[in-house]
Amino acid sequence: MSTYFIGDIHGCYNQFKSLLKKVNFNIVKDQLWITGDLVGRGPDSFKVLEYIFSLEKNVKLVLGNHDLNLISIYYEVQKRSIEKEISDLLNNNNMHDIMNKLRNVPLIQYDKKRKLIMTHAGIFPKWGLNDILKFSNQAHKILSGNNFLKYLKYMNGDFPNFWLNNLNKYDIFRFTINVFTRMRYCYFNGELDFSYKDTPPHFNKNIVPWFTIKNKLGKKYFIFFGHWSSLKDTTTPENIFPLDAGCCWGRYLTIFRWEDKKIFKKKCNLIK
């Protein structure tokens, strides 16, 4: 059995299946961990969702910001203009069942024995493992629960961008979502910054990638994330693995095999 970690797929179904074929992914024995952003930008988001959910226990998922965006649009919480790829996805007759499954996807995957952690955007440096699991589980219960529509209305926004213990329940939810699905740069005190998406180092010396700030996990855990395609060849700590190589921008879809630490790539021709 092999464990594979794959970066943001963004509806690029053909490239996704081609990469699985390249590594001889065994649908019965192997396990696939996916960093989120299953949908959007690419042409075949429904095929991606349908195939991934067919894997059942052989796949471990986390939600990305594009997946949450789809949930908001589907349940008519978000009213802004919709990209064509998402509009086509919404017209599929089987979306109701797919959306119920998507709402049940967590924000964190954690393997205690192997000390593996996967999220879409990153791990907040000021949180220890108990905080990470606590707040990700709280948000997961909200999104998969009966009262999720009320919280979705409060989900979007850049503030609060600093963690305080006395935040109200909606601010805790928004901050948690932002940490696990949107975070890139932080100030040294842990304050989140959403203004920049550039490749590090950035001209603003006061903000740094979240993974460069000393965190409470130390080097005890191996952290996998996607989201930040513009990182490109940026060096990360040896226990932190960025996997979004910009497939939907015409670069690569990347997969990492845990057992031998080998990386495989599939060149993508999608340029938008």
C-alpha atoms as a PDB file:
ATOM      1  CA  MET A   1       0.000   0.000   0.000  1.00  0.00           C
ATOM      2  CA  SER A   2       1.222   3.493  -0.874  1.00  0.00           C
ATOM      3  CA  THR A   3       0.082   6.890   0.419  1.00  0.00           C
ATOM      4  CA  TYR A   4      -0.047   9.713  -2.118  1.00  0.00           C
ATOM      5  CA  PHE A   5      -0.459  13.441  -1.469  1.00  0.00           C
ATOM      6  CA  ILE A   6      -1.705  15.512  -4.374  1.00  0.00           C
ATOM      7  CA  GLY A   7      -2.009  19.265  -4.838  1.00  0.00           C
ATOM      8  CA  ASP A   8      -4.943  21.422  -5.920  1.00  0.00           C
ATOM      9  CA  ILE A   9      -6.754  19.774  -8.859  1.00  0.00           C
ATOM     10  CA  HIS A  10      -9.082  22.646  -9.808  1.00  0.00           C
ATOM     11  CA  GLY A  11     -11.288  20.651 -12.152  1.00  0.00           C
ATOM     12  CA  CYS A  12      -8.373  19.329 -14.227  1.00  0.00           C
ATOM     13  CA  TYR A  13      -9.768  15.807 -14.461  1.00  0.00           C
ATOM     14  CA  ASN A  14      -7.726  14.498 -17.406  1.00  0.00           C
ATOM     15  CA  GLN A  15      -4.449  15.627 -15.869  1.00  0.00           C
ATOM     16  CA  PHE A  16      -5.499  14.184 -12.520  1.00  0.00           C
ATOM     17  CA  LYS A  17      -6.306  10.745 -13.929  1.00  0.00           C
ATOM     18  CA  SER A  18      -3.167  10.782 -16.066  1.00  0.00           C
ATOM     19  CA  LEU A  19      -1.024  11.456 -12.999  1.00  0.00           C
ATOM     20  CA  LEU A  20      -2.687   8.628 -11.051  1.00  0.00           C
ATOM     21  CA  LYS A  21      -1.936   6.324 -13.960  1.00  0.00           C
ATOM     22  CA  LYS A  22       1.681   7.493 -13.998  1.00  0.00           C
ATOM     23  CA  VAL A  23       2.205   6.400 -10.388  1.00  0.00           C
ATOM     24  CA  ASN A  24       0.158   3.193 -10.838  1.00  0.00           C
ATOM     25  CA  PHE A  25      -2.349   4.262  -8.200  1.00  0.00           C
ATOM     26  CA  ASN A  26      -4.156   1.170  -6.908  1.00  0.00           C
ATOM     27  CA  ILE A  27      -7.779   2.052  -6.255  1.00  0.00           C
ATOM     28  CA  VAL A  28      -8.128  -0.844  -3.787  1.00  0.00           C
ATOM     29  CA  LYS A  29      -4.871  -0.726  -1.807  1.00  0.00           C
ATOM     30  CA  ASP A  30      -3.479   2.815  -2.050  1.00  0.00           C
ATOM     31  CA  GLN A  31      -4.589   5.941  -0.204  1.00  0.00           C
ATOM     32  CA  LEU A  32      -4.899   9.391  -1.730  1.00  0.00           C
ATOM     33  CA  TRP A  33      -4.678  12.599   0.326  1.00  0.00           C
ATOM     34  CA  ILE A  34      -5.840  15.734  -1.535  1.00  0.00           C
ATOM     35  CA  THR A  35      -5.098  19.308  -0.402  1.00  0.00           C
ATOM     36  CA  GLY A  36      -8.477  20.750  -1.445  1.00  0.00           C
ATOM     37  CA  ASP A  37      -9.564  23.124  -4.224  1.00  0.00           C
ATOM     38  CA  LEU A  38     -11.056  20.260  -6.157  1.00  0.00           C
ATOM     39  CA  VAL A  39     -13.133  22.603  -8.292  1.00  0.00           C
ATOM     40  CA  GLY A  40     -12.966  25.803 -10.331  1.00  0.00           C
ATOM     41  CA  ARG A  41     -10.821  27.111 -13.182  1.00  0.00           C
ATOM     42  CA  GLY A  42     -10.459  23.744 -14.927  1.00  0.00           C
ATOM     43  CA  PRO A  43     -13.147  22.341 -17.261  1.00  0.00           C
ATOM     44  CA  ASP A  44     -14.223  19.154 -15.462  1.00  0.00           C
ATOM     45  CA  SER A  45     -14.985  19.902 -11.826  1.00  0.00           C
ATOM     46  CA  PHE A  46     -17.936  17.517 -11.656  1.00  0.00           C
ATOM     47  CA  LYS A  47     -15.881  14.617 -12.994  1.00  0.00           C
ATOM     48  CA  VAL A  48     -13.230  15.354 -10.374  1.00  0.00           C
ATOM     49  CA  LEU A  49     -15.795  15.407  -7.559  1.00  0.00           C
ATOM     50  CA  GLU A  50     -17.590  12.303  -8.788  1.00  0.00           C
ATOM     51  CA  TYR A  51     -14.396  10.255  -9.094  1.00  0.00           C
ATOM     52  CA  ILE A  52     -12.921  11.381  -5.783  1.00  0.00           C
ATOM     53  CA  PHE A  53     -16.082  10.604  -3.816  1.00  0.00           C
ATOM     54  CA  SER A  54     -16.233   7.192  -5.500  1.00  0.00           C
ATOM     55  CA  LEU A  55     -12.923   6.320  -3.791  1.00  0.00           C
ATOM     56  CA  GLU A  56     -14.667   6.455  -0.390  1.00  0.00           C
ATOM     57  CA  LYS A  57     -12.264   5.197   2.329  1.00  0.00           C
ATOM     58  CA  ASN A  58      -9.265   5.331  -0.001  1.00  0.00           C
ATOM     59  CA  VAL A  59      -9.289   9.130  -0.138  1.00  0.00           C
ATOM     60  CA  LYS A  60      -8.692  11.766   2.518  1.00  0.00           C
ATOM     61  CA  LEU A  61      -9.829  15.281   1.643  1.00  0.00           C
ATOM     62  CA  VAL A  62      -9.758  18.767   3.070  1.00  0.00           C
ATOM     63  CA  LEU A  63     -11.784  21.747   1.938  1.00  0.00           C
ATOM     64  CA  GLY A  64     -10.112  24.547   0.009  1.00  0.00           C
ATOM     65  CA  ASN A  65     -11.298  28.118  -0.466  1.00  0.00           C
ATOM     66  CA  HIS A  66     -12.675  27.313  -3.937  1.00  0.00           C
ATOM     67  CA  ASP A  67     -14.648  24.391  -2.514  1.00  0.00           C
ATOM     68  CA  LEU A  68     -16.130  26.660   0.159  1.00  0.00           C
ATOM     69  CA  ASN A  69     -16.879  29.230  -2.508  1.00  0.00           C
ATOM     70  CA  LEU A  70     -18.851  26.585  -4.411  1.00  0.00           C
ATOM     71  CA  ILE A  71     -20.807  25.688  -1.274  1.00  0.00           C
ATOM     72  CA  SER A  72     -21.719  29.356  -0.714  1.00  0.00           C
ATOM     73  CA  ILE A  73     -22.827  29.788  -4.307  1.00  0.00           C
ATOM     74  CA  TYR A  74     -24.831  26.556  -4.410  1.00  0.00           C
ATOM     75  CA  TYR A  75     -26.786  27.478  -1.290  1.00  0.00           C
ATOM     76  CA  GLU A  76     -27.261  31.041  -2.603  1.00  0.00           C
ATOM     77  CA  VAL A  77     -25.389  32.670   0.251  1.00  0.00           C
ATOM     78  CA  GLN A  78     -22.947  34.300  -2.139  1.00  0.00           C
ATOM     79  CA  LYS A  79     -24.454  36.484  -4.863  1.00  0.00           C
ATOM     80  CA  ARG A  80     -21.418  37.698  -6.776  1.00  0.00           C
ATOM     81  CA  SER A  81     -20.683  36.853 -10.421  1.00  0.00           C
ATOM     82  CA  ILE A  82     -19.883  33.201 -11.065  1.00  0.00           C
ATOM     83  CA  GLU A  83     -17.160  31.887 -13.355  1.00  0.00           C
ATOM     84  CA  LYS A  84     -18.371  29.775 -16.269  1.00  0.00           C
ATOM     85  CA  GLU A  85     -16.803  26.557 -14.951  1.00  0.00           C
ATOM     86  CA  ILE A  86     -18.752  26.840 -11.686  1.00  0.00           C
ATOM     87  CA  SER A  87     -21.935  27.829 -13.496  1.00  0.00           C
ATOM     88  CA  ASP A  88     -21.709  24.679 -15.633  1.00  0.00           C
ATOM     89  CA  LEU A  89     -21.088  22.615 -12.508  1.00  0.00           C
ATOM     90  CA  LEU A  90     -24.196  23.984 -10.776  1.00  0.00           C
ATOM     91  CA  ASN A  91     -26.382  22.861 -13.681  1.00  0.00           C
ATOM     92  CA  ASN A  92     -25.502  19.200 -13.167  1.00  0.00           C
ATOM     93  CA  ASN A  93     -28.500  17.160 -12.004  1.00  0.00           C
ATOM     94  CA  ASN A  94     -26.489  15.221  -9.412  1.00  0.00           C
ATOM     95  CA  MET A  95     -25.115  18.212  -7.562  1.00  0.00           C
ATOM     96  CA  HIS A  96     -27.376  17.900  -4.515  1.00  0.00           C
ATOM     97  CA  ASP A  97     -25.823  14.601  -3.442  1.00  0.00           C
ATOM     98  CA  ILE A  98     -22.323  15.858  -4.268  1.00  0.00           C
ATOM     99  CA  MET A  99     -22.837  19.008  -2.196  1.00  0.00           C
ATOM    100  CA  ASN A 100     -23.963  17.016   0.835  1.00  0.00           C
ATOM    101  CA  LYS A 101     -20.735  15.044   0.594  1.00  0.00           C
ATOM    102  CA  LEU A 102     -18.645  18.175   0.081  1.00  0.00           C
ATOM    103  CA  ARG A 103     -20.103  19.818   3.200  1.00  0.00           C
ATOM    104  CA  ASN A 104     -18.915  16.811   5.187  1.00  0.00           C
ATOM    105  CA  VAL A 105     -15.275  17.210   4.144  1.00  0.00           C
ATOM    106  CA  PRO A 106     -13.089  18.445   7.057  1.00  0.00           C
ATOM    107  CA  LEU A 107     -10.504  21.240   7.137  1.00  0.00           C
ATOM    108  CA  ILE A 108      -7.743  19.041   8.578  1.00  0.00           C
ATOM    109  CA  GLN A 109      -6.600  15.484   8.032  1.00  0.00           C
ATOM    110  CA  TYR A 110      -4.432  14.040  10.791  1.00  0.00           C
ATOM    111  CA  ASP A 111      -2.624  10.729  11.087  1.00  0.00           C
ATOM    112  CA  LYS A 112      -1.510  10.416  14.711  1.00  0.00           C
ATOM    113  CA  LYS A 113       0.680   7.351  14.187  1.00  0.00           C
ATOM    114  CA  ARG A 114       2.656   8.745  11.256  1.00  0.00           C
ATOM    115  CA  LYS A 115       2.418  12.358  12.504  1.00  0.00           C
ATOM    116  CA  LEU A 116       0.958  13.585   9.228  1.00  0.00           C
ATOM    117  CA  ILE A 117      -1.122  16.758   8.970  1.00  0.00           C
ATOM    118  CA  MET A 118      -2.763  18.034   5.807  1.00  0.00           C
ATOM    119  CA  THR A 119      -4.674  21.255   5.267  1.00  0.00           C
ATOM    120  CA  HIS A 120      -5.382  23.471   2.305  1.00  0.00           C
ATOM    121  CA  ALA A 121      -3.543  26.698   3.142  1.00  0.00           C
ATOM    122  CA  GLY A 122      -1.477  26.163   6.271  1.00  0.00           C
ATOM    123  CA  ILE A 123      -1.178  25.844  10.038  1.00  0.00           C
ATOM    124  CA  PHE A 124      -1.547  28.915  12.245  1.00  0.00           C
ATOM    125  CA  PRO A 125       1.833  29.331  14.019  1.00  0.00           C
ATOM    126  CA  LYS A 126       0.268  30.315  17.362  1.00  0.00           C
ATOM    127  CA  TRP A 127      -1.837  27.150  17.642  1.00  0.00           C
ATOM    128  CA  GLY A 128      -0.658  23.855  19.077  1.00  0.00           C
ATOM    129  CA  LEU A 129      -1.996  20.490  17.937  1.00  0.00           C
ATOM    130  CA  ASN A 130      -4.931  20.577  20.383  1.00  0.00           C
ATOM    131  CA  ASP A 131      -5.992  24.005  19.046  1.00  0.00           C
ATOM    132  CA  ILE A 132      -5.641  22.864  15.441  1.00  0.00           C
ATOM    133  CA  LEU A 133      -7.839  19.837  16.011  1.00  0.00           C
ATOM    134  CA  LYS A 134     -10.302  21.690  18.246  1.00  0.00           C
ATOM    135  CA  PHE A 135     -11.053  24.606  15.927  1.00  0.00           C
ATOM    136  CA  SER A 136     -10.947  22.582  12.714  1.00  0.00           C
ATOM    137  CA  ASN A 137     -13.416  20.104  14.231  1.00  0.00           C
ATOM    138  CA  GLN A 138     -15.694  22.928  15.390  1.00  0.00           C
ATOM    139  CA  ALA A 139     -15.794  24.408  11.888  1.00  0.00           C
ATOM    140  CA  HIS A 140     -16.328  20.966  10.364  1.00  0.00           C
ATOM    141  CA  LYS A 141     -19.318  20.301  12.630  1.00  0.00           C
ATOM    142  CA  ILE A 142     -20.789  23.662  11.661  1.00  0.00           C
ATOM    143  CA  LEU A 143     -20.389  23.126   7.914  1.00  0.00           C
ATOM    144  CA  SER A 144     -21.796  19.597   8.036  1.00  0.00           C
ATOM    145  CA  GLY A 145     -24.575  20.459  10.495  1.00  0.00           C
ATOM    146  CA  ASN A 146     -28.142  21.693  10.166  1.00  0.00           C
ATOM    147  CA  ASN A 147     -27.304  25.298  11.052  1.00  0.00           C
ATOM    148  CA  PHE A 148     -24.582  25.758   8.412  1.00  0.00           C
ATOM    149  CA  LEU A 149     -26.433  28.387   6.341  1.00  0.00           C
ATOM    150  CA  LYS A 150     -26.421  30.862   9.207  1.00  0.00           C
ATOM    151  CA  TYR A 151     -22.649  30.534   9.577  1.00  0.00           C
ATOM    152  CA  LEU A 152     -21.979  30.697   5.831  1.00  0.00           C
ATOM    153  CA  LYS A 153     -23.316  34.253   5.881  1.00  0.00           C
ATOM    154  CA  TYR A 154     -20.519  35.190   8.277  1.00  0.00           C
ATOM    155  CA  MET A 155     -17.762  33.160   6.614  1.00  0.00           C
ATOM    156  CA  ASN A 156     -16.233  35.679   4.191  1.00  0.00           C
ATOM    157  CA  GLY A 157     -14.041  38.575   5.279  1.00  0.00           C
ATOM    158  CA  ASP A 158     -10.449  39.373   6.264  1.00  0.00           C
ATOM    159  CA  PHE A 159     -11.143  40.212   9.896  1.00  0.00           C
ATOM    160  CA  PRO A 160     -10.452  39.324  12.598  1.00  0.00           C
ATOM    161  CA  ASN A 161      -6.941  38.639  11.330  1.00  0.00           C
ATOM    162  CA  PHE A 162      -5.426  38.141  14.769  1.00  0.00           C
ATOM    163  CA  TRP A 163      -6.281  35.390  17.254  1.00  0.00           C
ATOM    164  CA  LEU A 164      -7.862  36.402  20.553  1.00  0.00           C
ATOM    165  CA  ASN A 165      -9.409  34.052  23.087  1.00  0.00           C
ATOM    166  CA  ASN A 166     -12.511  36.228  23.507  1.00  0.00           C
ATOM    167  CA  LEU A 167     -13.683  36.215  19.881  1.00  0.00           C
ATOM    168  CA  ASN A 168     -17.380  35.530  19.353  1.00  0.00           C
ATOM    169  CA  LYS A 169     -18.460  32.265  17.697  1.00  0.00           C
ATOM    170  CA  TYR A 170     -18.838  33.772  14.223  1.00  0.00           C
ATOM    171  CA  ASP A 171     -15.426  35.434  14.351  1.00  0.00           C
ATOM    172  CA  ILE A 172     -13.855  32.173  15.532  1.00  0.00           C
ATOM    173  CA  PHE A 173     -15.471  30.400  12.591  1.00  0.00           C
ATOM    174  CA  ARG A 174     -14.263  33.017  10.078  1.00  0.00           C
ATOM    175  CA  PHE A 175     -10.749  33.102  11.508  1.00  0.00           C
ATOM    176  CA  THR A 176     -10.553  29.301  11.419  1.00  0.00           C
ATOM    177  CA  ILE A 177     -11.718  29.194   7.802  1.00  0.00           C
ATOM    178  CA  ASN A 178      -9.193  31.878   6.843  1.00  0.00           C
ATOM    179  CA  VAL A 179      -6.319  30.063   8.546  1.00  0.00           C
ATOM    180  CA  PHE A 180      -6.957  26.688   6.976  1.00  0.00           C
ATOM    181  CA  THR A 181      -8.102  27.799   3.509  1.00  0.00           C
ATOM    182  CA  ARG A 182      -6.737  31.300   2.733  1.00  0.00           C
ATOM    183  CA  MET A 183      -3.591  32.023   4.757  1.00  0.00           C
ATOM    184  CA  ARG A 184      -0.263  32.769   3.048  1.00  0.00           C
ATOM    185  CA  TYR A 185       1.643  35.600   4.734  1.00  0.00           C
ATOM    186  CA  CYS A 186       1.734  36.544   8.408  1.00  0.00           C
ATOM    187  CA  TYR A 187       3.291  39.269  10.490  1.00  0.00           C
ATOM    188  CA  PHE A 188       5.791  38.018  13.043  1.00  0.00           C
ATOM    189  CA  ASN A 189       3.200  38.313  15.819  1.00  0.00           C
ATOM    190  CA  GLY A 190       0.882  35.912  13.970  1.00  0.00           C
ATOM    191  CA  GLU A 191      -1.420  38.521  12.435  1.00  0.00           C
ATOM    192  CA  LEU A 192      -2.693  37.318   9.061  1.00  0.00           C
ATOM    193  CA  ASP A 193      -2.185  39.354   5.903  1.00  0.00           C
ATOM    194  CA  PHE A 194      -4.346  38.754   2.831  1.00  0.00           C
ATOM    195  CA  SER A 195      -2.981  41.550   0.640  1.00  0.00           C
ATOM    196  CA  TYR A 196      -0.164  39.612  -1.018  1.00  0.00           C
ATOM    197  CA  LYS A 197       0.041  36.378  -2.974  1.00  0.00           C
ATOM    198  CA  ASP A 198       3.489  36.890  -4.506  1.00  0.00           C
ATOM    199  CA  THR A 199       6.423  34.526  -4.518  1.00  0.00           C
ATOM    200  CA  PRO A 200       8.628  35.090  -1.434  1.00  0.00           C
ATOM    201  CA  PRO A 201      10.665  36.976  -0.478  1.00  0.00           C
ATOM    202  CA  HIS A 202       8.284  39.926  -0.511  1.00  0.00           C
ATOM    203  CA  PHE A 203       9.301  43.567  -0.550  1.00  0.00           C
ATOM    204  CA  ASN A 204       7.343  44.111   2.673  1.00  0.00           C
ATOM    205  CA  LYS A 205       9.870  42.951   5.278  1.00  0.00           C
ATOM    206  CA  ASN A 206       7.216  42.846   8.005  1.00  0.00           C
ATOM    207  CA  ILE A 207       5.330  39.880   6.553  1.00  0.00           C
ATOM    208  CA  VAL A 208       6.663  36.383   5.984  1.00  0.00           C
ATOM    209  CA  PRO A 209       5.232  33.035   4.836  1.00  0.00           C
ATOM    210  CA  TRP A 210       3.359  31.350   7.668  1.00  0.00           C
ATOM    211  CA  PHE A 211       5.734  28.378   7.605  1.00  0.00           C
ATOM    212  CA  THR A 212       8.788  30.509   8.428  1.00  0.00           C
ATOM    213  CA  ILE A 213       7.382  31.599  11.798  1.00  0.00           C
ATOM    214  CA  LYS A 214       8.333  29.433  14.760  1.00  0.00           C
ATOM    215  CA  ASN A 215       5.291  27.358  15.633  1.00  0.00           C
ATOM    216  CA  LYS A 216       4.158  25.177  18.511  1.00  0.00           C
ATOM    217  CA  LEU A 217       4.396  21.965  16.483  1.00  0.00           C
ATOM    218  CA  GLY A 218       8.136  22.224  15.937  1.00  0.00           C
ATOM    219  CA  LYS A 219       9.476  19.507  13.657  1.00  0.00           C
ATOM    220  CA  LYS A 220       7.454  16.691  15.194  1.00  0.00           C
ATOM    221  CA  TYR A 221       4.884  16.650  12.399  1.00  0.00           C
ATOM    222  CA  PHE A 222       4.934  16.502   8.613  1.00  0.00           C
ATOM    223  CA  ILE A 223       2.646  19.173   7.151  1.00  0.00           C
ATOM    224  CA  PHE A 224       1.228  19.055   3.625  1.00  0.00           C
ATOM    225  CA  PHE A 225      -0.615  21.979   2.047  1.00  0.00           C
ATOM    226  CA  GLY A 226      -1.678  23.433  -1.309  1.00  0.00           C
ATOM    227  CA  HIS A 227      -3.243  26.810  -2.123  1.00  0.00           C
ATOM    228  CA  TRP A 228      -0.064  28.803  -2.836  1.00  0.00           C
ATOM    229  CA  SER A 229       0.839  28.070  -6.459  1.00  0.00           C
ATOM    230  CA  SER A 230       3.096  31.129  -6.700  1.00  0.00           C
ATOM    231  CA  LEU A 231       5.519  29.628  -4.157  1.00  0.00           C
ATOM    232  CA  LYS A 232       7.166  27.797  -7.082  1.00  0.00           C
ATOM    233  CA  ASP A 233      10.713  26.882  -5.974  1.00  0.00           C
ATOM    234  CA  THR A 234      10.557  28.578  -2.558  1.00  0.00           C
ATOM    235  CA  THR A 235      12.431  26.579   0.063  1.00  0.00           C
ATOM    236  CA  THR A 236      10.308  25.358   2.969  1.00  0.00           C
ATOM    237  CA  PRO A 237      11.344  23.643   6.219  1.00  0.00           C
ATOM    238  CA  GLU A 238      12.159  19.976   5.668  1.00  0.00           C
ATOM    239  CA  ASN A 239       8.959  18.784   7.361  1.00  0.00           C
ATOM    240  CA  ILE A 240       6.636  21.073   5.352  1.00  0.00           C
ATOM    241  CA  PHE A 241       5.538  20.128   1.842  1.00  0.00           C
ATOM    242  CA  PRO A 242       3.796  22.575  -0.555  1.00  0.00           C
ATOM    243  CA  LEU A 243       1.949  20.729  -3.322  1.00  0.00           C
ATOM    244  CA  ASP A 244       0.147  23.319  -5.458  1.00  0.00           C
ATOM    245  CA  ALA A 245       2.336  23.595  -8.568  1.00  0.00           C
ATOM    246  CA  GLY A 246      -0.140  25.655 -10.597  1.00  0.00           C
ATOM    247  CA  CYS A 247      -1.835  23.057 -12.766  1.00  0.00           C
ATOM    248  CA  CYS A 248      -4.692  25.387 -13.669  1.00  0.00           C
ATOM    249  CA  TRP A 249      -2.162  28.063 -14.687  1.00  0.00           C
ATOM    250  CA  GLY A 250      -0.472  25.836 -17.244  1.00  0.00           C
ATOM    251  CA  ARG A 251       2.267  24.457 -14.992  1.00  0.00           C
ATOM    252  CA  TYR A 252       2.104  21.118 -13.150  1.00  0.00           C
ATOM    253  CA  LEU A 253      -0.109  18.842 -11.127  1.00  0.00           C
ATOM    254  CA  THR A 254       2.070  17.334  -8.403  1.00  0.00           C
ATOM    255  CA  ILE A 255       1.837  14.125  -6.406  1.00  0.00           C
ATOM    256  CA  PHE A 256       4.073  13.038  -3.505  1.00  0.00           C
ATOM    257  CA  ARG A 257       4.530   9.428  -2.448  1.00  0.00           C
ATOM    258  CA  TRP A 258       5.052   9.214   1.294  1.00  0.00           C
ATOM    259  CA  GLU A 259       6.844   5.874   1.508  1.00  0.00           C
ATOM    260  CA  ASP A 260       9.878   6.852  -0.598  1.00  0.00           C
ATOM    261  CA  LYS A 261       9.401  10.657  -0.547  1.00  0.00           C
ATOM    262  CA  LYS A 262       9.316  10.727  -4.354  1.00  0.00           C
ATOM    263  CA  ILE A 263       7.601  13.524  -6.310  1.00  0.00           C
ATOM    264  CA  PHE A 264       5.828  13.020  -9.641  1.00  0.00           C
ATOM    265  CA  LYS A 265       4.528  15.756 -11.935  1.00  0.00           C
ATOM    266  CA  LYS A 266       2.144  16.045 -14.849  1.00  0.00           C
ATOM    267  CA  LYS A 267       2.512  18.995 -17.194  1.00  0.00           C
ATOM    268  CA  CYS A 268      -0.766  20.848 -17.695  1.00  0.00           C
ATOM    269  CA  ASN A 269      -1.759  22.844 -20.739  1.00  0.00           C
ATOM    270  CA  LEU A 270      -4.561  24.843 -19.150  1.00  0.00           C
ATOM    271  CA  ILE A 271      -3.726  28.556 -19.224  1.00  0.00           C
ATOM    272  CA  LYS A 272      -6.295  31.117 -18.134  1.00  0.00           C
END
